[in-house]
Amino acid sequence: MAPVTMATEREKLHLIDQVSAEQLKQKKYALYAAEAEDEDLQALFSRLAQSSEQHEEKLQELLRETGLSIQPH
């Protein structure tokens, strides 16, 4: 993937918003997994939480390439 060092301010703000959205999704999916009584649902929500974590990590990497970073929640 090409570096994002030339990202506009608007693009950087979108990346930051996306990181926040992924962090929120992680928390919700983890909560849903903990509250689900069905093992299949627990597994599904756990996988979704892991997927959101991977997305957040990629977004954080892109932000670092622009010279920015935000702390995980």
Protein backbone atom coordinates (compact mmCIF):
# COMPACT_ATOMS: atom_id res chain seq x y z
CA MET A 1 0.00 0.00 0.00
CA ALA A 2 1.28 3.47 -0.85
CA PRO A 3 2.26 5.74 2.05
CA VAL A 4 -0.40 8.16 3.27
CA THR A 5 2.07 10.89 4.17
CA MET A 6 0.37 13.30 1.79
CA ALA A 7 -3.07 12.84 3.32
CA THR A 8 -5.22 15.93 3.56
CA GLU A 9 -6.44 17.15 6.93
CA ARG A 10 -9.91 15.92 6.05
CA GLU A 11 -8.57 12.44 5.29
CA LYS A 12 -6.69 12.41 8.60
CA LEU A 13 -9.88 13.36 10.44
CA HIS A 14 -11.74 10.55 8.69
CA LEU A 15 -9.05 8.08 9.77
CA ILE A 16 -9.34 9.28 13.36
CA ASP A 17 -13.14 8.91 13.22
CA GLN A 18 -12.78 5.40 11.83
CA VAL A 19 -10.39 4.40 14.62
CA SER A 20 -12.93 5.60 17.17
CA ALA A 21 -15.69 3.67 15.41
CA GLU A 22 -13.62 0.47 15.40
CA GLN A 23 -12.85 0.90 19.11
CA LEU A 24 -16.55 1.27 19.87
CA LYS A 25 -17.39 -1.79 17.77
CA GLN A 26 -14.77 -3.82 19.64
CA LYS A 27 -16.30 -2.90 22.99
CA LYS A 28 -19.84 -3.65 21.85
CA TYR A 29 -18.95 -6.98 20.25
CA ALA A 30 -17.02 -8.04 23.36
CA LEU A 31 -20.02 -7.12 25.51
CA TYR A 32 -22.40 -9.01 23.22
CA ALA A 33 -20.11 -12.06 23.31
CA ALA A 34 -20.04 -11.96 27.10
CA GLU A 35 -23.81 -11.63 27.35
CA ALA A 36 -24.75 -14.18 24.69
CA GLU A 37 -25.97 -17.51 26.00
CA ASP A 38 -25.63 -19.29 22.67
CA GLU A 39 -22.09 -20.56 22.00
CA ASP A 40 -22.36 -19.85 18.28
CA LEU A 41 -23.29 -16.23 18.99
CA GLN A 42 -20.45 -15.94 21.49
CA ALA A 43 -18.01 -17.19 18.86
CA LEU A 44 -19.45 -14.87 16.21
CA PHE A 45 -19.22 -11.77 18.37
CA SER A 46 -15.71 -12.72 19.48
CA ARG A 47 -14.61 -13.03 15.85
CA LEU A 48 -16.21 -9.68 15.03
CA ALA A 49 -14.38 -8.06 17.96
CA GLN A 50 -11.08 -9.50 16.71
CA SER A 51 -11.80 -8.29 13.19
CA SER A 52 -12.51 -4.78 14.48
CA GLU A 53 -9.26 -4.88 16.44
CA GLN A 54 -7.36 -5.76 13.26
CA HIS A 55 -9.09 -2.94 11.38
CA GLU A 56 -8.18 -0.51 14.15
CA GLU A 57 -4.54 -1.62 14.05
CA LYS A 58 -4.41 -1.02 10.28
CA LEU A 59 -6.01 2.40 10.67
CA GLN A 60 -3.54 3.26 13.46
CA GLU A 61 -0.72 2.26 11.10
CA LEU A 62 -2.08 4.59 8.42
CA LEU A 63 -2.34 7.40 10.97
CA ARG A 64 1.26 6.88 12.06
CA GLU A 65 2.30 7.21 8.42
CA THR A 66 0.67 10.65 8.41
CA GLY A 67 2.50 11.60 11.60
CA LEU A 68 -0.55 11.21 13.84
CA SER A 69 -1.69 8.62 16.32
CA ILE A 70 -4.43 8.22 18.87
CA GLN A 71 -4.45 6.09 21.96
CA PRO A 72 -6.52 2.91 22.06
CA HIS A 73 -9.45 2.91 24.46
